[in-house]
């Protein structure tokens, strides 16, 4: 019985051989460029997430709450009036 936990000879770190859409390039240089792009986009995504957390820490509101406040500023009480009418109709139906 061989050791199932040992690394195989053809193993490459991170290569799990899962590519159902066939996106992995065959050219090693193109694969390297794709890996570098993936890393830089991941890092940009982490910076964006950190920005969301910093904004929430400073303002005490999530980005969704701030977006809602901006919508209220732009559209006024239109949505408040509609929500009140929906609540009134739902309460009347009970």
PDB file of N, CA and C in Angstrom:
ATOM      1  N   UNK A   1       0.848  -1.190   0.000  1.00  0.00           N
ATOM      2  CA  UNK A   1       0.000   0.000   0.000  1.00  0.00           C
ATOM      3  C   UNK A   1       0.884   1.242   0.000  1.00  0.00           C
ATOM      4  N   UNK A   2       0.677   2.090  -0.957  1.00  0.00           N
ATOM      5  CA  UNK A   2       1.487   3.300  -1.041  1.00  0.00           C
ATOM      6  C   UNK A   2       0.905   4.391  -0.142  1.00  0.00           C
ATOM      7  N   UNK A   3       1.702   5.355   0.142  1.00  0.00           N
ATOM      8  CA  UNK A   3       1.300   6.456   1.021  1.00  0.00           C
ATOM      9  C   UNK A   3       0.423   7.426   0.221  1.00  0.00           C
ATOM     10  N   UNK A   4      -0.863   7.494   0.564  1.00  0.00           N
ATOM     11  CA  UNK A   4      -1.786   8.356  -0.183  1.00  0.00           C
ATOM     12  C   UNK A   4      -1.589   9.833   0.131  1.00  0.00           C
ATOM     13  N   UNK A   5      -0.849  10.133   1.197  1.00  0.00           N
ATOM     14  CA  UNK A   5      -0.635  11.530   1.557  1.00  0.00           C
ATOM     15  C   UNK A   5       0.614  12.116   0.916  1.00  0.00           C
ATOM     16  N   UNK A   6       1.398  11.333   0.249  1.00  0.00           N
ATOM     17  CA  UNK A   6       2.603  11.861  -0.371  1.00  0.00           C
ATOM     18  C   UNK A   6       2.224  12.573  -1.676  1.00  0.00           C
ATOM     19  N   UNK A   7       3.055  13.529  -2.057  1.00  0.00           N
ATOM     20  CA  UNK A   7       2.811  14.282  -3.288  1.00  0.00           C
ATOM     21  C   UNK A   7       3.168  13.419  -4.491  1.00  0.00           C
ATOM     22  N   UNK A   8       2.366  13.517  -5.510  1.00  0.00           N
ATOM     23  CA  UNK A   8       2.619  12.785  -6.749  1.00  0.00           C
ATOM     24  C   UNK A   8       3.745  13.460  -7.526  1.00  0.00           C
ATOM     25  N   UNK A   9       4.367  12.729  -8.410  1.00  0.00           N
ATOM     26  CA  UNK A   9       5.492  13.270  -9.177  1.00  0.00           C
ATOM     27  C   UNK A   9       5.076  14.396 -10.113  1.00  0.00           C
ATOM     28  N   UNK A  10       3.866  14.324 -10.673  1.00  0.00           N
ATOM     29  CA  UNK A  10       3.420  15.341 -11.618  1.00  0.00           C
ATOM     30  C   UNK A  10       2.603  16.454 -10.953  1.00  0.00           C
ATOM     31  N   UNK A  11       2.670  16.546  -9.627  1.00  0.00           N
ATOM     32  CA  UNK A  11       1.895  17.562  -8.900  1.00  0.00           C
ATOM     33  C   UNK A  11       2.538  18.937  -9.050  1.00  0.00           C
ATOM     34  N   UNK A  12       1.713  19.933  -9.319  1.00  0.00           N
ATOM     35  CA  UNK A  12       2.133  21.324  -9.355  1.00  0.00           C
ATOM     36  C   UNK A  12       1.301  22.070  -8.321  1.00  0.00           C
ATOM     37  N   UNK A  13       1.901  22.820  -7.380  1.00  0.00           N
ATOM     38  CA  UNK A  13       1.126  23.480  -6.327  1.00  0.00           C
ATOM     39  C   UNK A  13       0.005  24.352  -6.884  1.00  0.00           C
ATOM     40  N   UNK A  14      -1.191  24.119  -6.398  1.00  0.00           N
ATOM     41  CA  UNK A  14      -2.356  24.882  -6.822  1.00  0.00           C
ATOM     42  C   UNK A  14      -3.085  24.276  -8.004  1.00  0.00           C
ATOM     43  N   UNK A  15      -2.480  23.289  -8.667  1.00  0.00           N
ATOM     44  CA  UNK A  15      -3.121  22.661  -9.825  1.00  0.00           C
ATOM     45  C   UNK A  15      -3.939  21.465  -9.342  1.00  0.00           C
ATOM     46  N   UNK A  16      -5.232  21.645  -9.231  1.00  0.00           N
ATOM     47  CA  UNK A  16      -6.113  20.574  -8.779  1.00  0.00           C
ATOM     48  C   UNK A  16      -6.768  19.849  -9.944  1.00  0.00           C
ATOM     49  N   UNK A  17      -6.380  20.208 -11.156  1.00  0.00           N
ATOM     50  CA  UNK A  17      -6.906  19.611 -12.394  1.00  0.00           C
ATOM     51  C   UNK A  17      -8.427  19.774 -12.493  1.00  0.00           C
ATOM     52  N   UNK A  18      -8.920  20.882 -12.000  1.00  0.00           N
ATOM     53  CA  UNK A  18     -10.343  21.194 -12.100  1.00  0.00           C
ATOM     54  C   UNK A  18     -10.485  22.382 -13.029  1.00  0.00           C
ATOM     55  N   UNK A  19     -10.819  22.122 -14.259  1.00  0.00           N
ATOM     56  CA  UNK A  19     -10.996  23.156 -15.269  1.00  0.00           C
ATOM     57  C   UNK A  19     -12.118  22.726 -16.211  1.00  0.00           C
ATOM     58  N   UNK A  20     -13.377  22.722 -15.718  1.00  0.00           N
ATOM     59  CA  UNK A  20     -14.471  22.204 -16.540  1.00  0.00           C
ATOM     60  C   UNK A  20     -14.765  23.049 -17.781  1.00  0.00           C
ATOM     61  N   UNK A  21     -14.399  24.322 -17.772  1.00  0.00           N
ATOM     62  CA  UNK A  21     -14.664  25.180 -18.926  1.00  0.00           C
ATOM     63  C   UNK A  21     -13.478  25.268 -19.881  1.00  0.00           C
ATOM     64  N   UNK A  22     -12.374  24.647 -19.510  1.00  0.00           N
ATOM     65  CA  UNK A  22     -11.205  24.659 -20.379  1.00  0.00           C
ATOM     66  C   UNK A  22     -10.557  26.022 -20.500  1.00  0.00           C
ATOM     67  N   UNK A  23     -10.511  26.788 -19.413  1.00  0.00           N
ATOM     68  CA  UNK A  23      -9.957  28.140 -19.453  1.00  0.00           C
ATOM     69  C   UNK A  23      -8.444  28.184 -19.264  1.00  0.00           C
ATOM     70  N   UNK A  24      -7.873  27.098 -18.745  1.00  0.00           N
ATOM     71  CA  UNK A  24      -6.436  27.090 -18.485  1.00  0.00           C
ATOM     72  C   UNK A  24      -5.677  27.050 -19.808  1.00  0.00           C
ATOM     73  N   UNK A  25      -4.799  28.038 -20.047  1.00  0.00           N
ATOM     74  CA  UNK A  25      -4.036  28.050 -21.302  1.00  0.00           C
ATOM     75  C   UNK A  25      -2.976  26.943 -21.314  1.00  0.00           C
ATOM     76  N   UNK A  26      -2.657  26.460 -22.493  1.00  0.00           N
ATOM     77  CA  UNK A  26      -1.635  25.425 -22.637  1.00  0.00           C
ATOM     78  C   UNK A  26      -0.221  26.017 -22.643  1.00  0.00           C
ATOM     79  N   UNK A  27      -0.103  27.239 -23.085  1.00  0.00           N
ATOM     80  CA  UNK A  27       1.192  27.911 -23.146  1.00  0.00           C
ATOM     81  C   UNK A  27       1.626  28.323 -21.740  1.00  0.00           C
ATOM     82  N   UNK A  28       2.810  27.898 -21.264  1.00  0.00           N
ATOM     83  CA  UNK A  28       3.258  28.241 -19.904  1.00  0.00           C
ATOM     84  C   UNK A  28       3.366  29.746 -19.662  1.00  0.00           C
ATOM     85  N   UNK A  29       3.774  30.508 -20.675  1.00  0.00           N
ATOM     86  CA  UNK A  29       3.889  31.962 -20.496  1.00  0.00           C
ATOM     87  C   UNK A  29       2.510  32.587 -20.327  1.00  0.00           C
ATOM     88  N   UNK A  30       1.556  32.103 -21.095  1.00  0.00           N
ATOM     89  CA  UNK A  30       0.191  32.628 -20.971  1.00  0.00           C
ATOM     90  C   UNK A  30      -0.433  32.220 -19.632  1.00  0.00           C
ATOM     91  N   UNK A  31      -0.123  31.007 -19.175  1.00  0.00           N
ATOM     92  CA  UNK A  31      -0.609  30.561 -17.860  1.00  0.00           C
ATOM     93  C   UNK A  31      -0.040  31.444 -16.759  1.00  0.00           C
ATOM     94  N   UNK A  32       1.234  31.764 -16.862  1.00  0.00           N
ATOM     95  CA  UNK A  32       1.880  32.629 -15.861  1.00  0.00           C
ATOM     96  C   UNK A  32       1.228  34.017 -15.851  1.00  0.00           C
ATOM     97  N   UNK A  33       0.940  34.554 -17.025  1.00  0.00           N
ATOM     98  CA  UNK A  33       0.292  35.869 -17.101  1.00  0.00           C
ATOM     99  C   UNK A  33      -1.107  35.812 -16.505  1.00  0.00           C
ATOM    100  N   UNK A  34      -1.823  34.723 -16.764  1.00  0.00           N
ATOM    101  CA  UNK A  34      -3.167  34.577 -16.203  1.00  0.00           C
ATOM    102  C   UNK A  34      -3.118  34.475 -14.673  1.00  0.00           C
ATOM    103  N   UNK A  35      -2.121  33.757 -14.148  1.00  0.00           N
ATOM    104  CA  UNK A  35      -1.971  33.648 -12.695  1.00  0.00           C
ATOM    105  C   UNK A  35      -1.657  35.007 -12.074  1.00  0.00           C
ATOM    106  N   UNK A  36      -0.803  35.785 -12.726  1.00  0.00           N
ATOM    107  CA  UNK A  36      -0.469  37.113 -12.209  1.00  0.00           C
ATOM    108  C   UNK A  36      -1.685  38.033 -12.223  1.00  0.00           C
ATOM    109  N   UNK A  37      -2.494  37.944 -13.294  1.00  0.00           N
ATOM    110  CA  UNK A  37      -3.720  38.750 -13.347  1.00  0.00           C
ATOM    111  C   UNK A  37      -4.687  38.350 -12.240  1.00  0.00           C
ATOM    112  N   UNK A  38      -4.791  37.054 -12.005  1.00  0.00           N
ATOM    113  CA  UNK A  38      -5.692  36.577 -10.951  1.00  0.00           C
ATOM    114  C   UNK A  38      -5.249  37.093  -9.582  1.00  0.00           C
ATOM    115  N   UNK A  39      -3.944  37.085  -9.334  1.00  0.00           N
ATOM    116  CA  UNK A  39      -3.436  37.602  -8.061  1.00  0.00           C
ATOM    117  C   UNK A  39      -3.707  39.096  -7.909  1.00  0.00           C
ATOM    118  N   UNK A  40      -3.455  39.873  -8.962  1.00  0.00           N
ATOM    119  CA  UNK A  40      -3.661  41.319  -8.838  1.00  0.00           C
ATOM    120  C   UNK A  40      -5.133  41.665  -8.703  1.00  0.00           C
ATOM    121  N   UNK A  41      -6.018  40.943  -9.392  1.00  0.00           N
ATOM    122  CA  UNK A  41      -7.444  41.212  -9.221  1.00  0.00           C
ATOM    123  C   UNK A  41      -7.912  40.793  -7.835  1.00  0.00           C
ATOM    124  N   UNK A  42      -7.380  39.703  -7.301  1.00  0.00           N
ATOM    125  CA  UNK A  42      -7.725  39.295  -5.937  1.00  0.00           C
ATOM    126  C   UNK A  42      -7.276  40.326  -4.918  1.00  0.00           C
ATOM    127  N   UNK A  43      -6.079  40.861  -5.135  1.00  0.00           N
ATOM    128  CA  UNK A  43      -5.577  41.885  -4.209  1.00  0.00           C
ATOM    129  C   UNK A  43      -6.420  43.156  -4.281  1.00  0.00           C
ATOM    130  N   UNK A  44      -6.835  43.526  -5.473  1.00  0.00           N
ATOM    131  CA  UNK A  44      -7.701  44.693  -5.625  1.00  0.00           C
ATOM    132  C   UNK A  44      -9.036  44.461  -4.917  1.00  0.00           C
ATOM    133  N   UNK A  45      -9.564  43.243  -5.026  1.00  0.00           N
ATOM    134  CA  UNK A  45     -10.805  42.911  -4.336  1.00  0.00           C
ATOM    135  C   UNK A  45     -10.645  42.993  -2.821  1.00  0.00           C
ATOM    136  N   UNK A  46      -9.494  42.553  -2.305  1.00  0.00           N
ATOM    137  CA  UNK A  46      -9.259  42.646  -0.855  1.00  0.00           C
ATOM    138  C   UNK A  46      -9.152  44.096  -0.406  1.00  0.00           C
ATOM    139  N   UNK A  47      -8.532  44.944  -1.223  1.00  0.00           N
ATOM    140  CA  UNK A  47      -8.468  46.370  -0.883  1.00  0.00           C
ATOM    141  C   UNK A  47      -9.859  46.995  -0.872  1.00  0.00           C
ATOM    142  N   UNK A  48     -10.700  46.595  -1.820  1.00  0.00           N
ATOM    143  CA  UNK A  48     -12.069  47.115  -1.850  1.00  0.00           C
ATOM    144  C   UNK A  48     -12.835  46.680  -0.604  1.00  0.00           C
ATOM    145  N   UNK A  49     -12.676  45.429  -0.204  1.00  0.00           N
ATOM    146  CA  UNK A  49     -13.345  44.946   1.007  1.00  0.00           C
ATOM    147  C   UNK A  49     -12.837  45.693   2.235  1.00  0.00           C
ATOM    148  N   UNK A  50     -11.542  45.959   2.280  1.00  0.00           N
ATOM    149  CA  UNK A  50     -10.989  46.727   3.398  1.00  0.00           C
ATOM    150  C   UNK A  50     -11.561  48.141   3.411  1.00  0.00           C
ATOM    151  N   UNK A  51     -11.780  48.715   2.231  1.00  0.00           N
ATOM    152  CA  UNK A  51     -12.392  50.046   2.151  1.00  0.00           C
ATOM    153  C   UNK A  51     -13.809  50.045   2.688  1.00  0.00           C
ATOM    154  N   UNK A  52     -14.569  48.997   2.371  1.00  0.00           N
ATOM    155  CA  UNK A  52     -15.929  48.881   2.916  1.00  0.00           C
ATOM    156  C   UNK A  52     -15.894  48.821   4.435  1.00  0.00           C
ATOM    157  N   UNK A  53     -14.967  48.017   4.975  1.00  0.00           N
ATOM    158  CA  UNK A  53     -14.885  47.884   6.437  1.00  0.00           C
ATOM    159  C   UNK A  53     -14.437  49.190   7.091  1.00  0.00           C
ATOM    160  N   UNK A  54     -13.488  49.890   6.457  1.00  0.00           N
ATOM    161  CA  UNK A  54     -13.034  51.172   7.010  1.00  0.00           C
ATOM    162  C   UNK A  54     -14.165  52.188   6.992  1.00  0.00           C
ATOM    163  N   UNK A  55     -14.933  52.213   5.914  1.00  0.00           N
ATOM    164  CA  UNK A  55     -16.061  53.137   5.814  1.00  0.00           C
ATOM    165  C   UNK A  55     -17.087  52.841   6.901  1.00  0.00           C
ATOM    166  N   UNK A  56     -17.352  51.563   7.129  1.00  0.00           N
ATOM    167  CA  UNK A  56     -18.315  51.202   8.162  1.00  0.00           C
ATOM    168  C   UNK A  56     -17.795  51.558   9.547  1.00  0.00           C
ATOM    169  N   UNK A  57     -16.486  51.386   9.773  1.00  0.00           N
ATOM    170  CA  UNK A  57     -15.903  51.720  11.072  1.00  0.00           C
ATOM    171  C   UNK A  57     -15.967  53.225  11.338  1.00  0.00           C
ATOM    172  N   UNK A  58     -15.765  54.025  10.302  1.00  0.00           N
ATOM    173  CA  UNK A  58     -15.751  55.477  10.473  1.00  0.00           C
ATOM    174  C   UNK A  58     -17.163  56.036  10.619  1.00  0.00           C
ATOM    175  N   UNK A  59     -18.081  55.607   9.748  1.00  0.00           N
ATOM    176  CA  UNK A  59     -19.414  56.202   9.730  1.00  0.00           C
ATOM    177  C   UNK A  59     -20.422  55.474  10.612  1.00  0.00           C
ATOM    178  N   UNK A  60     -20.148  54.206  10.927  1.00  0.00           N
ATOM    179  CA  UNK A  60     -21.106  53.428  11.712  1.00  0.00           C
ATOM    180  C   UNK A  60     -22.252  52.880  10.885  1.00  0.00           C
ATOM    181  N   UNK A  61     -22.209  53.083   9.567  1.00  0.00           N
ATOM    182  CA  UNK A  61     -23.245  52.584   8.674  1.00  0.00           C
ATOM    183  C   UNK A  61     -22.609  51.663   7.639  1.00  0.00           C
ATOM    184  N   UNK A  62     -23.370  50.666   7.196  1.00  0.00           N
ATOM    185  CA  UNK A  62     -22.876  49.830   6.114  1.00  0.00           C
ATOM    186  C   UNK A  62     -23.019  50.587   4.808  1.00  0.00           C
ATOM    187  N   UNK A  63     -22.363  50.081   3.764  1.00  0.00           N
ATOM    188  CA  UNK A  63     -22.451  50.767   2.473  1.00  0.00           C
ATOM    189  C   UNK A  63     -23.871  50.717   1.933  1.00  0.00           C
ATOM    190  N   UNK A  64     -24.636  49.687   2.264  1.00  0.00           N
ATOM    191  CA  UNK A  64     -26.024  49.601   1.818  1.00  0.00           C
ATOM    192  C   UNK A  64     -26.894  50.656   2.481  1.00  0.00           C
ATOM    193  N   UNK A  65     -26.648  50.903   3.763  1.00  0.00           N
ATOM    194  CA  UNK A  65     -27.412  51.938   4.461  1.00  0.00           C
ATOM    195  C   UNK A  65     -27.084  53.316   3.901  1.00  0.00           C
ATOM    196  N   UNK A  66     -25.825  53.541   3.579  1.00  0.00           N
ATOM    197  CA  UNK A  66     -25.451  54.840   3.017  1.00  0.00           C
ATOM    198  C   UNK A  66     -26.042  55.017   1.635  1.00  0.00           C
ATOM    199  N   UNK A  67     -26.087  53.925   0.853  1.00  0.00           N
ATOM    200  CA  UNK A  67     -26.689  53.990  -0.467  1.00  0.00           C
ATOM    201  C   UNK A  67     -28.175  54.306  -0.349  1.00  0.00           C
ATOM    202  N   UNK A  68     -28.829  53.702   0.629  1.00  0.00           N
ATOM    203  CA  UNK A  68     -30.250  53.957   0.862  1.00  0.00           C
ATOM    204  C   UNK A  68     -30.465  55.416   1.265  1.00  0.00           C
ATOM    205  N   UNK A  69     -29.585  55.951   2.096  1.00  0.00           N
ATOM    206  CA  UNK A  69     -29.707  57.350   2.504  1.00  0.00           C
ATOM    207  C   UNK A  69     -29.538  58.273   1.297  1.00  0.00           C
ATOM    208  N   UNK A  70     -28.631  57.925   0.389  1.00  0.00           N
ATOM    209  CA  UNK A  70     -28.426  58.730  -0.808  1.00  0.00           C
ATOM    210  C   UNK A  70     -29.654  58.662  -1.713  1.00  0.00           C
ATOM    211  N   UNK A  71     -30.272  57.487  -1.793  1.00  0.00           N
ATOM    212  CA  UNK A  71     -31.492  57.333  -2.586  1.00  0.00           C
ATOM    213  C   UNK A  71     -32.607  58.186  -1.993  1.00  0.00           C
ATOM    214  N   UNK A  72     -32.708  58.198  -0.680  1.00  0.00           N
ATOM    215  CA  UNK A  72     -33.703  59.044  -0.017  1.00  0.00           C
ATOM    216  C   UNK A  72     -33.461  60.516  -0.352  1.00  0.00           C
ATOM    217  N   UNK A  73     -32.188  60.891  -0.384  1.00  0.00           N
ATOM    218  CA  UNK A  73     -31.849  62.275  -0.703  1.00  0.00           C
ATOM    219  C   UNK A  73     -32.259  62.620  -2.133  1.00  0.00           C
ATOM    220  N   UNK A  74     -31.997  61.689  -3.057  1.00  0.00           N
ATOM    221  CA  UNK A  74     -32.308  61.951  -4.460  1.00  0.00           C
ATOM    222  C   UNK A  74     -33.807  61.915  -4.754  1.00  0.00           C
ATOM    223  N   UNK A  75     -34.494  60.917  -4.205  1.00  0.00           N
ATOM    224  CA  UNK A  75     -35.878  60.695  -4.581  1.00  0.00           C
ATOM    225  C   UNK A  75     -36.890  61.217  -3.562  1.00  0.00           C
ATOM    226  N   UNK A  76     -36.397  61.750  -2.484  1.00  0.00           N
ATOM    227  CA  UNK A  76     -37.304  62.323  -1.495  1.00  0.00           C
ATOM    228  C   UNK A  76     -38.135  61.275  -0.789  1.00  0.00           C
ATOM    229  N   UNK A  77     -39.338  61.638  -0.422  1.00  0.00           N
ATOM    230  CA  UNK A  77     -40.190  60.751   0.358  1.00  0.00           C
ATOM    231  C   UNK A  77     -41.043  59.818  -0.474  1.00  0.00           C
ATOM    232  N   UNK A  78     -40.764  59.679  -1.756  1.00  0.00           N
ATOM    233  CA  UNK A  78     -41.601  58.845  -2.615  1.00  0.00           C
ATOM    234  C   UNK A  78     -41.673  57.417  -2.091  1.00  0.00           C
ATOM    235  N   UNK A  79     -40.499  56.836  -1.770  1.00  0.00           N
ATOM    236  CA  UNK A  79     -40.487  55.459  -1.307  1.00  0.00           C
ATOM    237  C   UNK A  79     -41.089  55.332   0.087  1.00  0.00           C
ATOM    238  N   UNK A  80     -40.913  56.334   0.933  1.00  0.00           N
ATOM    239  CA  UNK A  80     -41.539  56.291   2.255  1.00  0.00           C
ATOM    240  C   UNK A  80     -43.059  56.275   2.134  1.00  0.00           C
ATOM    241  N   UNK A  81     -43.580  57.074   1.246  1.00  0.00           N
ATOM    242  CA  UNK A  81     -45.029  57.130   1.056  1.00  0.00           C
ATOM    243  C   UNK A  81     -45.533  55.787   0.523  1.00  0.00           C
ATOM    244  N   UNK A  82     -44.841  55.220  -0.438  1.00  0.00           N
ATOM    245  CA  UNK A  82     -45.260  53.941  -1.005  1.00  0.00           C
ATOM    246  C   UNK A  82     -45.179  52.830   0.043  1.00  0.00           C
ATOM    247  N   UNK A  83     -44.136  52.828   0.857  1.00  0.00           N
ATOM    248  CA  UNK A  83     -44.004  51.818   1.904  1.00  0.00           C
ATOM    249  C   UNK A  83     -45.113  51.969   2.936  1.00  0.00           C
ATOM    250  N   UNK A  84     -45.467  53.192   3.262  1.00  0.00           N
ATOM    251  CA  UNK A  84     -46.553  53.409   4.225  1.00  0.00           C
ATOM    252  C   UNK A  84     -47.881  52.910   3.664  1.00  0.00           C
ATOM    253  N   UNK A  85     -48.102  53.130   2.380  1.00  0.00           N
ATOM    254  CA  UNK A  85     -49.337  52.646   1.768  1.00  0.00           C
ATOM    255  C   UNK A  85     -49.371  51.119   1.723  1.00  0.00           C
ATOM    256  N   UNK A  86     -48.264  50.495   1.419  1.00  0.00           N
ATOM    257  CA  UNK A  86     -48.211  49.033   1.411  1.00  0.00           C
ATOM    258  C   UNK A  86     -48.445  48.468   2.805  1.00  0.00           C
ATOM    259  N   UNK A  87     -47.858  49.089   3.818  1.00  0.00           N
ATOM    260  CA  UNK A  87     -48.058  48.637   5.196  1.00  0.00           C
ATOM    261  C   UNK A  87     -49.508  48.816   5.616  1.00  0.00           C
ATOM    262  N   UNK A  88     -50.109  49.926   5.236  1.00  0.00           N
ATOM    263  CA  UNK A  88     -51.504  50.165   5.563  1.00  0.00           C
ATOM    264  C   UNK A  88     -52.393  49.118   4.892  1.00  0.00           C
ATOM    265  N   UNK A  89     -52.145  48.825   3.616  1.00  0.00           N
ATOM    266  CA  UNK A  89     -52.943  47.833   2.908  1.00  0.00           C
ATOM    267  C   UNK A  89     -52.758  46.436   3.505  1.00  0.00           C
ATOM    268  N   UNK A  90     -51.531  46.118   3.902  1.00  0.00           N
ATOM    269  CA  UNK A  90     -51.275  44.791   4.499  1.00  0.00           C
ATOM    270  C   UNK A  90     -51.972  44.677   5.851  1.00  0.00           C
ATOM    271  N   UNK A  91     -51.973  45.762   6.625  1.00  0.00           N
ATOM    272  CA  UNK A  91     -52.631  45.733   7.936  1.00  0.00           C
ATOM    273  C   UNK A  91     -54.146  45.648   7.766  1.00  0.00           C
ATOM    274  N   UNK A  92     -54.673  46.281   6.746  1.00  0.00           N
ATOM    275  CA  UNK A  92     -56.116  46.244   6.507  1.00  0.00           C
ATOM    276  C   UNK A  92     -56.551  44.858   6.062  1.00  0.00           C
ATOM    277  N   UNK A  93     -55.656  44.121   5.403  1.00  0.00           N
ATOM    278  CA  UNK A  93     -55.998  42.784   4.934  1.00  0.00           C
ATOM    279  C   UNK A  93     -55.962  41.726   6.013  1.00  0.00           C
ATOM    280  N   UNK A  94     -55.438  42.050   7.177  1.00  0.00           N
ATOM    281  CA  UNK A  94     -55.335  41.054   8.264  1.00  0.00           C
ATOM    282  C   UNK A  94     -56.607  40.896   9.011  1.00  0.00           C
TER     283      UNK A  94
END
